[in-house]
C-alpha atoms as a PDB file:
ATOM      1  CA  UNK A   1      -1.327  -9.365  11.577  1.00  0.00           C
ATOM      2  CA  UNK A   2      -0.920  -6.189   9.684  1.00  0.00           C
ATOM      3  CA  UNK A   3      -1.084  -2.693  11.089  1.00  0.00           C
ATOM      4  CA  UNK A   4      -1.034   0.583   9.190  1.00  0.00           C
ATOM      5  CA  UNK A   5      -0.250   4.057  10.218  1.00  0.00           C
ATOM      6  CA  UNK A   6       0.761   7.287   8.844  1.00  0.00           C
ATOM      7  CA  UNK A   7      -2.340   8.426   6.873  1.00  0.00           C
ATOM      8  CA  UNK A   8      -3.472  11.716   7.598  1.00  0.00           C
ATOM      9  CA  UNK A   9      -4.609  15.169   5.645  1.00  0.00           C
ATOM     10  CA  UNK A  10      -2.240  17.108   3.389  1.00  0.00           C
ATOM     11  CA  UNK A  11      -2.459  19.477   0.636  1.00  0.00           C
ATOM     12  CA  UNK A  12      -1.998  18.679  -3.247  1.00  0.00           C
ATOM     13  CA  UNK A  13       1.474  18.413  -4.079  1.00  0.00           C
ATOM     14  CA  UNK A  14       2.329  17.231  -0.631  1.00  0.00           C
ATOM     15  CA  UNK A  15       3.980  13.867   0.726  1.00  0.00           C
ATOM     16  CA  UNK A  16       2.824  11.359   3.077  1.00  0.00           C
ATOM     17  CA  UNK A  17       4.526   7.996   4.151  1.00  0.00           C
ATOM     18  CA  UNK A  18       2.478   4.902   5.225  1.00  0.00           C
ATOM     19  CA  UNK A  19       3.767   2.279   7.568  1.00  0.00           C
ATOM     20  CA  UNK A  20       2.559  -1.400   7.829  1.00  0.00           C
ATOM     21  CA  UNK A  21       3.942  -3.635  10.524  1.00  0.00           C
ATOM     22  CA  UNK A  22       3.524  -7.473   9.258  1.00  0.00           C
ATOM     23  CA  UNK A  23       4.615  -9.279  12.314  1.00  0.00           C
ATOM     24  CA  UNK A  24       4.076 -13.151  12.028  1.00  0.00           C
ATOM     25  CA  UNK A  25       4.880 -13.350   8.300  1.00  0.00           C
ATOM     26  CA  UNK A  26       7.674 -15.997   8.215  1.00  0.00           C
ATOM     27  CA  UNK A  27       7.559 -17.162   4.595  1.00  0.00           C
ATOM     28  CA  UNK A  28      10.357 -15.318   2.541  1.00  0.00           C
ATOM     29  CA  UNK A  29       8.239 -15.843  -0.481  1.00  0.00           C
ATOM     30  CA  UNK A  30       5.618 -13.330   0.788  1.00  0.00           C
ATOM     31  CA  UNK A  31       4.082 -10.839  -1.222  1.00  0.00           C
ATOM     32  CA  UNK A  32       3.196  -7.465   0.111  1.00  0.00           C
ATOM     33  CA  UNK A  33       1.019  -4.754  -1.313  1.00  0.00           C
ATOM     34  CA  UNK A  34      -0.780  -1.713  -0.852  1.00  0.00           C
ATOM     35  CA  UNK A  35      -4.420  -1.429  -1.804  1.00  0.00           C
ATOM     36  CA  UNK A  36      -6.849   1.672  -1.655  1.00  0.00           C
ATOM     37  CA  UNK A  37     -10.404   2.465  -1.788  1.00  0.00           C
ATOM     38  CA  UNK A  38     -12.009   5.790  -2.528  1.00  0.00           C
ATOM     39  CA  UNK A  39     -15.752   6.395  -1.423  1.00  0.00           C
ATOM     40  CA  UNK A  40     -17.909   5.006  -4.179  1.00  0.00           C
ATOM     41  CA  UNK A  41     -15.050   3.602  -6.086  1.00  0.00           C
ATOM     42  CA  UNK A  42     -13.784  -0.213  -6.601  1.00  0.00           C
ATOM     43  CA  UNK A  43     -10.971  -1.189  -4.707  1.00  0.00           C
ATOM     44  CA  UNK A  44      -7.520  -0.719  -6.557  1.00  0.00           C
ATOM     45  CA  UNK A  45      -4.129  -2.124  -6.458  1.00  0.00           C
ATOM     46  CA  UNK A  46      -1.640   0.609  -5.833  1.00  0.00           C
ATOM     47  CA  UNK A  47       1.934  -1.102  -5.256  1.00  0.00           C
ATOM     48  CA  UNK A  48       3.229  -4.432  -4.209  1.00  0.00           C
ATOM     49  CA  UNK A  49       6.667  -5.710  -3.158  1.00  0.00           C
ATOM     50  CA  UNK A  50       7.594  -9.545  -3.311  1.00  0.00           C
ATOM     51  CA  UNK A  51      10.158 -11.484  -1.477  1.00  0.00           C
ATOM     52  CA  UNK A  52      12.943 -11.004  -3.974  1.00  0.00           C
ATOM     53  CA  UNK A  53      12.479  -7.148  -3.941  1.00  0.00           C
ATOM     54  CA  UNK A  54      10.468  -7.098  -7.239  1.00  0.00           C
ATOM     55  CA  UNK A  55       8.261  -4.351  -7.361  1.00  0.00           C
ATOM     56  CA  UNK A  56       5.138  -3.056  -9.301  1.00  0.00           C
ATOM     57  CA  UNK A  57       2.977  -0.156  -9.459  1.00  0.00           C
ATOM     58  CA  UNK A  58      -0.381   1.037 -10.699  1.00  0.00           C
ATOM     59  CA  UNK A  59       0.060   3.518 -13.580  1.00  0.00           C
ATOM     60  CA  UNK A  60      -1.909   6.282 -11.774  1.00  0.00           C
ATOM     61  CA  UNK A  61       0.958   6.237  -9.197  1.00  0.00           C
ATOM     62  CA  UNK A  62       4.109   5.283 -11.001  1.00  0.00           C
ATOM     63  CA  UNK A  63       6.940   7.778 -10.638  1.00  0.00           C
ATOM     64  CA  UNK A  64       4.978   9.404  -7.458  1.00  0.00           C
ATOM     65  CA  UNK A  65       4.994   6.545  -5.085  1.00  0.00           C
ATOM     66  CA  UNK A  66       7.530   4.327  -3.779  1.00  0.00           C
ATOM     67  CA  UNK A  67       7.104   1.105  -2.047  1.00  0.00           C
ATOM     68  CA  UNK A  68       9.860  -0.598   0.493  1.00  0.00           C
ATOM     69  CA  UNK A  69      10.169  -2.582   3.259  1.00  0.00           C
ATOM     70  CA  UNK A  70      12.348  -3.185   6.205  1.00  0.00           C
ATOM     71  CA  UNK A  71      12.693  -7.062   6.956  1.00  0.00           C
ATOM     72  CA  UNK A  72      14.696  -6.651  10.156  1.00  0.00           C
ATOM     73  CA  UNK A  73      11.881  -4.289  11.470  1.00  0.00           C
ATOM     74  CA  UNK A  74       8.848  -6.375   9.635  1.00  0.00           C
ATOM     75  CA  UNK A  75       7.609  -3.137   8.357  1.00  0.00           C
ATOM     76  CA  UNK A  76       6.427  -2.076   4.870  1.00  0.00           C
ATOM     77  CA  UNK A  77       6.009   1.342   3.607  1.00  0.00           C
ATOM     78  CA  UNK A  78       4.686   3.526   1.195  1.00  0.00           C
ATOM     79  CA  UNK A  79       6.274   6.652   0.389  1.00  0.00           C
ATOM     80  CA  UNK A  80       3.628   8.938  -1.432  1.00  0.00           C
ATOM     81  CA  UNK A  81       4.956  12.262  -3.267  1.00  0.00           C
ATOM     82  CA  UNK A  82       3.377  14.777  -5.538  1.00  0.00           C
ATOM     83  CA  UNK A  83      -0.074  13.764  -4.026  1.00  0.00           C
ATOM     84  CA  UNK A  84      -3.087  14.357  -5.989  1.00  0.00           C
ATOM     85  CA  UNK A  85      -6.977  15.045  -4.870  1.00  0.00           C
ATOM     86  CA  UNK A  86      -7.883  11.640  -6.810  1.00  0.00           C
ATOM     87  CA  UNK A  87      -5.233   9.897  -4.357  1.00  0.00           C
ATOM     88  CA  UNK A  88      -7.719  10.384  -1.469  1.00  0.00           C
ATOM     89  CA  UNK A  89      -8.773   7.035  -0.371  1.00  0.00           C
ATOM     90  CA  UNK A  90      -8.463   4.364   2.560  1.00  0.00           C
ATOM     91  CA  UNK A  91      -5.161   2.710   2.079  1.00  0.00           C
ATOM     92  CA  UNK A  92      -4.764  -1.007   3.004  1.00  0.00           C
ATOM     93  CA  UNK A  93      -1.840  -3.069   3.591  1.00  0.00           C
ATOM     94  CA  UNK A  94      -2.445  -6.739   2.344  1.00  0.00           C
ATOM     95  CA  UNK A  95      -0.484  -9.717   2.410  1.00  0.00           C
ATOM     96  CA  UNK A  96      -1.300 -11.336  -1.004  1.00  0.00           C
ATOM     97  CA  UNK A  97      -1.094 -15.352  -0.823  1.00  0.00           C
ATOM     98  CA  UNK A  98      -2.480 -16.301  -4.386  1.00  0.00           C
ATOM     99  CA  UNK A  99      -1.368 -13.698  -6.963  1.00  0.00           C
ATOM    100  CA  UNK A 100       1.360 -10.820  -6.550  1.00  0.00           C
ATOM    101  CA  UNK A 101      -0.009  -8.376  -8.656  1.00  0.00           C
ATOM    102  CA  UNK A 102      -1.755  -4.695  -8.394  1.00  0.00           C
ATOM    103  CA  UNK A 103      -4.137  -6.035 -10.669  1.00  0.00           C
ATOM    104  CA  UNK A 104      -5.906  -8.548  -8.599  1.00  0.00           C
ATOM    105  CA  UNK A 105      -6.692  -9.195  -4.865  1.00  0.00           C
ATOM    106  CA  UNK A 106      -8.340 -12.580  -5.735  1.00  0.00           C
ATOM    107  CA  UNK A 107      -7.782 -15.218  -3.317  1.00  0.00           C
ATOM    108  CA  UNK A 108      -7.720 -15.441   0.320  1.00  0.00           C
ATOM    109  CA  UNK A 109      -5.585 -12.467   1.467  1.00  0.00           C
ATOM    110  CA  UNK A 110      -4.751 -10.792   4.620  1.00  0.00           C
ATOM    111  CA  UNK A 111      -5.596  -7.352   5.127  1.00  0.00           C
ATOM    112  CA  UNK A 112      -5.110  -4.281   7.574  1.00  0.00           C
ATOM    113  CA  UNK A 113      -7.601  -2.243   9.167  1.00  0.00           C
ATOM    114  CA  UNK A 114      -6.783   0.465   6.568  1.00  0.00           C
ATOM    115  CA  UNK A 115      -5.609   4.232   7.134  1.00  0.00           C
ATOM    116  CA  UNK A 116      -7.259   7.325   5.764  1.00  0.00           C
ATOM    117  CA  UNK A 117      -5.473   9.492   3.173  1.00  0.00           C
ATOM    118  CA  UNK A 118      -7.106  12.919   2.220  1.00  0.00           C
ATOM    119  CA  UNK A 119      -5.322  15.038  -0.209  1.00  0.00           C
ATOM    120  CA  UNK A 120      -6.946  18.591  -0.426  1.00  0.00           C
ATOM    121  CA  UNK A 121      -6.957  20.569  -3.591  1.00  0.00           C
END
């Protein structure tokens, strides 16, 4: 089960930290990701972290967002700094089972329910 928390509203330039508990994931090769979807836009990958700790970011968030995980707490994080209005979206925590990349969510993946992030200008 994937359960996100930490969304909310913030002014441009502000910060938020999203959390996702991933209870029940026991395979050390797992790939965890954050995807987002803004109203009227296609869903897009934001960041991934795999079992070895390899990270990948979308160009639009590079140097502003940081993905991390605490394996002892079974929690995934997304630290979002220097937020922009275009970061406004519903953010989803995802367990990717086919390809570990921000560029695709093809395959049978497992999704959280999503958490809303709103950035005001």
